PDB file of N, CA and C in Angstrom:
ATOM      1  N   UNK A   1      69.116 107.761  62.747  1.00  0.00           N
ATOM      2  CA  UNK A   1      69.458 106.401  62.248  1.00  0.00           C
ATOM      3  C   UNK A   1      70.773 106.353  61.965  1.00  0.00           C
ATOM      4  N   UNK A   2      71.575 107.359  61.185  1.00  0.00           N
ATOM      5  CA  UNK A   2      72.754 107.349  60.761  1.00  0.00           C
ATOM      6  C   UNK A   2      74.014 107.292  61.982  1.00  0.00           C
ATOM      7  N   UNK A   3      73.434 107.776  63.173  1.00  0.00           N
ATOM      8  CA  UNK A   3      74.512 107.798  64.307  1.00  0.00           C
ATOM      9  C   UNK A   3      74.504 106.209  64.654  1.00  0.00           C
ATOM     10  N   UNK A   4      73.501 105.436  64.516  1.00  0.00           N
ATOM     11  CA  UNK A   4      73.977 103.968  65.030  1.00  0.00           C
ATOM     12  C   UNK A   4      75.088 103.471  64.376  1.00  0.00           C
ATOM     13  N   UNK A   5      74.969 103.735  63.035  1.00  0.00           N
ATOM     14  CA  UNK A   5      76.207 103.243  62.217  1.00  0.00           C
ATOM     15  C   UNK A   5      77.510 103.460  62.727  1.00  0.00           C
ATOM     16  N   UNK A   6      77.626 104.674  63.652  1.00  0.00           N
ATOM     17  CA  UNK A   6      78.891 105.135  64.114  1.00  0.00           C
ATOM     18  C   UNK A   6      78.794 104.652  65.569  1.00  0.00           C
ATOM     19  N   UNK A   7      77.782 104.647  66.209  1.00  0.00           N
ATOM     20  CA  UNK A   7      77.774 104.157  67.758  1.00  0.00           C
ATOM     21  C   UNK A   7      78.129 102.698  67.904  1.00  0.00           C
ATOM     22  N   UNK A   8      77.377 101.763  67.141  1.00  0.00           N
ATOM     23  CA  UNK A   8      77.640 100.529  67.469  1.00  0.00           C
ATOM     24  C   UNK A   8      79.195 100.191  67.102  1.00  0.00           C
ATOM     25  N   UNK A   9      79.810 100.493  66.136  1.00  0.00           N
ATOM     26  CA  UNK A   9      81.136 100.159  65.875  1.00  0.00           C
ATOM     27  C   UNK A   9      82.112 100.633  67.025  1.00  0.00           C
ATOM     28  N   UNK A  10      81.758 101.790  67.474  1.00  0.00           N
ATOM     29  CA  UNK A  10      82.589 102.568  68.431  1.00  0.00           C
ATOM     30  C   UNK A  10      82.479 101.688  69.735  1.00  0.00           C
ATOM     31  N   UNK A  11      81.326 101.345  70.034  1.00  0.00           N
ATOM     32  CA  UNK A  11      80.934 100.571  71.194  1.00  0.00           C
ATOM     33  C   UNK A  11      81.472  99.047  71.265  1.00  0.00           C
ATOM     34  N   UNK A  12      81.501  98.546  70.104  1.00  0.00           N
ATOM     35  CA  UNK A  12      82.247  97.184  70.179  1.00  0.00           C
ATOM     36  C   UNK A  12      83.684  97.289  70.287  1.00  0.00           C
ATOM     37  N   UNK A  13      84.346  98.550  69.680  1.00  0.00           N
ATOM     38  CA  UNK A  13      85.784  98.537  69.711  1.00  0.00           C
ATOM     39  C   UNK A  13      86.134  98.674  71.409  1.00  0.00           C
ATOM     40  N   UNK A  14      85.112  99.558  72.232  1.00  0.00           N
ATOM     41  CA  UNK A  14      85.532  99.813  73.579  1.00  0.00           C
ATOM     42  C   UNK A  14      85.121  98.594  74.224  1.00  0.00           C
ATOM     43  N   UNK A  15      84.198  97.741  73.950  1.00  0.00           N
ATOM     44  CA  UNK A  15      84.171  96.370  74.835  1.00  0.00           C
ATOM     45  C   UNK A  15      85.345  95.464  74.521  1.00  0.00           C
ATOM     46  N   UNK A  16      85.893  95.386  73.352  1.00  0.00           N
ATOM     47  CA  UNK A  16      87.038  94.583  72.871  1.00  0.00           C
ATOM     48  C   UNK A  16      88.058  95.164  73.661  1.00  0.00           C
ATOM     49  N   UNK A  17      88.469  96.405  73.766  1.00  0.00           N
ATOM     50  CA  UNK A  17      89.563  97.075  74.492  1.00  0.00           C
ATOM     51  C   UNK A  17      89.305  96.464  76.122  1.00  0.00           C
ATOM     52  N   UNK A  18      88.075  96.874  76.649  1.00  0.00           N
ATOM     53  CA  UNK A  18      87.835  96.588  78.082  1.00  0.00           C
ATOM     54  C   UNK A  18      88.270  95.105  78.350  1.00  0.00           C
ATOM     55  N   UNK A  19      87.793  94.184  77.353  1.00  0.00           N
ATOM     56  CA  UNK A  19      88.138  92.615  77.863  1.00  0.00           C
ATOM     57  C   UNK A  19      89.529  92.277  77.533  1.00  0.00           C
ATOM     58  N   UNK A  20      90.286  93.156  76.698  1.00  0.00           N
ATOM     59  CA  UNK A  20      91.695  92.844  76.520  1.00  0.00           C
ATOM     60  C   UNK A  20      92.537  93.384  77.804  1.00  0.00           C
ATOM     61  N   UNK A  21      92.092  94.562  78.253  1.00  0.00           N
ATOM     62  CA  UNK A  21      92.647  95.020  79.341  1.00  0.00           C
ATOM     63  C   UNK A  21      92.359  94.030  80.615  1.00  0.00           C
ATOM     64  N   UNK A  22      91.264  93.692  80.843  1.00  0.00           N
ATOM     65  CA  UNK A  22      90.921  92.691  82.063  1.00  0.00           C
ATOM     66  C   UNK A  22      91.661  91.317  81.778  1.00  0.00           C
ATOM     67  N   UNK A  23      91.784  90.716  80.705  1.00  0.00           N
ATOM     68  CA  UNK A  23      92.696  89.528  80.644  1.00  0.00           C
ATOM     69  C   UNK A  23      94.080  89.666  80.806  1.00  0.00           C
ATOM     70  N   UNK A  24      94.505  90.998  80.207  1.00  0.00           N
ATOM     71  CA  UNK A  24      96.023  91.281  80.636  1.00  0.00           C
ATOM     72  C   UNK A  24      96.105  91.469  82.126  1.00  0.00           C
ATOM     73  N   UNK A  25      95.110  91.990  82.854  1.00  0.00           N
ATOM     74  CA  UNK A  25      95.190  92.196  84.296  1.00  0.00           C
ATOM     75  C   UNK A  25      95.232  90.876  85.094  1.00  0.00           C
ATOM     76  N   UNK A  26      94.452  89.952  84.410  1.00  0.00           N
ATOM     77  CA  UNK A  26      94.632  88.619  85.066  1.00  0.00           C
ATOM     78  C   UNK A  26      95.863  87.953  84.823  1.00  0.00           C
ATOM     79  N   UNK A  27      96.038  87.941  83.662  1.00  0.00           N
ATOM     80  CA  UNK A  27      97.547  87.156  83.280  1.00  0.00           C
ATOM     81  C   UNK A  27      98.524  87.814  84.087  1.00  0.00           C
ATOM     82  N   UNK A  28      98.703  89.146  84.403  1.00  0.00           N
ATOM     83  CA  UNK A  28     100.034  89.727  85.166  1.00  0.00           C
ATOM     84  C   UNK A  28      99.592  89.611  86.372  1.00  0.00           C
ATOM     85  N   UNK A  29      98.917  88.951  87.098  1.00  0.00           N
ATOM     86  CA  UNK A  29      98.547  88.749  88.416  1.00  0.00           C
ATOM     87  C   UNK A  29      98.111  89.699  89.246  1.00  0.00           C
ATOM     88  N   UNK A  30      97.264  90.878  88.607  1.00  0.00           N
ATOM     89  CA  UNK A  30      96.905  92.063  89.477  1.00  0.00           C
ATOM     90  C   UNK A  30      95.835  91.547  90.223  1.00  0.00           C
ATOM     91  N   UNK A  31      95.116  90.448  90.402  1.00  0.00           N
ATOM     92  CA  UNK A  31      94.291  90.212  91.166  1.00  0.00           C
ATOM     93  C   UNK A  31      94.635  89.065  91.990  1.00  0.00           C
ATOM     94  N   UNK A  32      95.922  88.746  92.429  1.00  0.00           N
ATOM     95  CA  UNK A  32      96.528  87.625  92.789  1.00  0.00           C
ATOM     96  C   UNK A  32      95.916  87.710  94.738  1.00  0.00           C
ATOM     97  N   UNK A  33      96.313  89.006  95.172  1.00  0.00           N
ATOM     98  CA  UNK A  33      96.139  89.072  96.632  1.00  0.00           C
ATOM     99  C   UNK A  33      95.224  90.141  96.852  1.00  0.00           C
ATOM    100  N   UNK A  34      93.932  90.160  96.924  1.00  0.00           N
ATOM    101  CA  UNK A  34      93.087  91.332  97.202  1.00  0.00           C
ATOM    102  C   UNK A  34      92.969  91.500  98.505  1.00  0.00           C
ATOM    103  N   UNK A  35      93.263  90.660  99.473  1.00  0.00           N
ATOM    104  CA  UNK A  35      93.135  90.912 101.009  1.00  0.00           C
ATOM    105  C   UNK A  35      94.276  91.342 101.651  1.00  0.00           C
ATOM    106  N   UNK A  36      95.447  91.012 100.949  1.00  0.00           N
ATOM    107  CA  UNK A  36      96.672  91.370 101.795  1.00  0.00           C
ATOM    108  C   UNK A  36      97.131  92.758 101.979  1.00  0.00           C
ATOM    109  N   UNK A  37      96.826  93.763 101.139  1.00  0.00           N
ATOM    110  CA  UNK A  37      96.948  95.224 101.276  1.00  0.00           C
ATOM    111  C   UNK A  37      96.172  95.721 102.508  1.00  0.00           C
ATOM    112  N   UNK A  38      94.783  95.342 102.380  1.00  0.00           N
ATOM    113  CA  UNK A  38      93.895  95.677 103.478  1.00  0.00           C
ATOM    114  C   UNK A  38      94.309  95.164 104.683  1.00  0.00           C
ATOM    115  N   UNK A  39      94.469  94.162 105.004  1.00  0.00           N
ATOM    116  CA  UNK A  39      95.041  93.720 106.323  1.00  0.00           C
ATOM    117  C   UNK A  39      96.535  94.462 106.677  1.00  0.00           C
ATOM    118  N   UNK A  40      97.293  94.708 106.020  1.00  0.00           N
ATOM    119  CA  UNK A  40      98.508  95.469 106.295  1.00  0.00           C
ATOM    120  C   UNK A  40      98.220  96.630 106.794  1.00  0.00           C
ATOM    121  N   UNK A  41      97.219  97.429 106.271  1.00  0.00           N
ATOM    122  CA  UNK A  41      96.989  98.590 106.884  1.00  0.00           C
ATOM    123  C   UNK A  41      96.481  98.510 108.204  1.00  0.00           C
ATOM    124  N   UNK A  42      95.409  97.402 108.427  1.00  0.00           N
ATOM    125  CA  UNK A  42      94.772  97.237 109.673  1.00  0.00           C
ATOM    126  C   UNK A  42      95.771  96.916 110.678  1.00  0.00           C
ATOM    127  N   UNK A  43      96.699  96.160 110.400  1.00  0.00           N
ATOM    128  CA  UNK A  43      97.493  95.482 111.263  1.00  0.00           C
ATOM    129  C   UNK A  43      98.837  96.062 111.289  1.00  0.00           C
ATOM    130  N   UNK A  44      98.987  97.445 111.211  1.00  0.00           N
ATOM    131  CA  UNK A  44     100.121  98.143 111.058  1.00  0.00           C
ATOM    132  C   UNK A  44     100.958  98.210 112.565  1.00  0.00           C
ATOM    133  N   UNK A  45     101.832  98.060 112.562  1.00  0.00           N
ATOM    134  CA  UNK A  45     102.859  97.980 113.798  1.00  0.00           C
ATOM    135  C   UNK A  45     103.100  99.473 114.277  1.00  0.00           C
ATOM    136  N   UNK A  46     102.506 100.024 115.290  1.00  0.00           N
ATOM    137  CA  UNK A  46     102.736 101.232 115.637  1.00  0.00           C
ATOM    138  C   UNK A  46     103.665 101.279 116.725  1.00  0.00           C
ATOM    139  N   UNK A  47     104.212 100.288 117.386  1.00  0.00           N
ATOM    140  CA  UNK A  47     105.024 100.393 118.402  1.00  0.00           C
ATOM    141  C   UNK A  47     106.631 100.931 117.958  1.00  0.00           C
ATOM    142  N   UNK A  48     107.172 101.292 118.788  1.00  0.00           N
ATOM    143  CA  UNK A  48     108.551 102.040 118.647  1.00  0.00           C
ATOM    144  C   UNK A  48     109.534 101.000 118.500  1.00  0.00           C
ATOM    145  N   UNK A  49     110.454 101.465 117.547  1.00  0.00           N
ATOM    146  CA  UNK A  49     111.432 100.403 117.188  1.00  0.00           C
ATOM    147  C   UNK A  49     112.237 100.423 118.377  1.00  0.00           C
ATOM    148  N   UNK A  50     112.858  99.188 118.562  1.00  0.00           N
ATOM    149  CA  UNK A  50     113.876  99.076 119.803  1.00  0.00           C
ATOM    150  C   UNK A  50     115.317  99.478 119.488  1.00  0.00           C
ATOM    151  N   UNK A  51     115.834 100.126 120.380  1.00  0.00           N
ATOM    152  CA  UNK A  51     117.024 100.631 120.013  1.00  0.00           C
ATOM    153  C   UNK A  51     118.265  99.856 120.395  1.00  0.00           C
ATOM    154  N   UNK A  52     118.810  99.421 119.546  1.00  0.00           N
ATOM    155  CA  UNK A  52     119.654  98.165 120.048  1.00  0.00           C
ATOM    156  C   UNK A  52     121.265  98.780 120.171  1.00  0.00           C
ATOM    157  N   UNK A  53     121.356  99.917 119.889  1.00  0.00           N
ATOM    158  CA  UNK A  53     122.812 100.754 120.308  1.00  0.00           C
ATOM    159  C   UNK A  53     122.679 100.816 121.895  1.00  0.00           C
ATOM    160  N   UNK A  54     123.792 100.735 122.494  1.00  0.00           N
ATOM    161  CA  UNK A  54     123.972 100.886 123.916  1.00  0.00           C
ATOM    162  C   UNK A  54     124.878 101.919 124.087  1.00  0.00           C
ATOM    163  N   UNK A  55     124.941 103.057 124.637  1.00  0.00           N
ATOM    164  CA  UNK A  55     125.503 104.193 125.010  1.00  0.00           C
ATOM    165  C   UNK A  55     126.894 104.008 125.921  1.00  0.00           C
ATOM    166  N   UNK A  56     126.821 102.653 126.879  1.00  0.00           N
ATOM    167  CA  UNK A  56     127.829 102.525 127.451  1.00  0.00           C
ATOM    168  C   UNK A  56     129.044 101.840 126.880  1.00  0.00           C
ATOM    169  N   UNK A  57     128.987 101.333 125.485  1.00  0.00           N
ATOM    170  CA  UNK A  57     129.961 100.752 124.761  1.00  0.00           C
ATOM    171  C   UNK A  57     130.621 101.709 124.017  1.00  0.00           C
ATOM    172  N   UNK A  58     130.418 103.027 123.953  1.00  0.00           N
ATOM    173  CA  UNK A  58     130.773 104.051 123.146  1.00  0.00           C
ATOM    174  C   UNK A  58     132.203 104.532 123.807  1.00  0.00           C
ATOM    175  N   UNK A  59     132.519 104.210 125.027  1.00  0.00           N
ATOM    176  CA  UNK A  59     133.924 104.673 125.578  1.00  0.00           C
ATOM    177  C   UNK A  59     135.009 103.795 125.370  1.00  0.00           C
TER     178      UNK A  59
END
């Protein structure tokens, strides 16, 4: 029964820390764009870059 006197305050402190971290993440726009990174991975441009230099103009 004595362990409850230790575990309850520790659990409440952990809950307060988790809530504070969650509100910090929301305030700093960590959840602003949840789908953008997933779409960038799927829609990756695998084509070769176009070479704009011409070898004839080197002369």
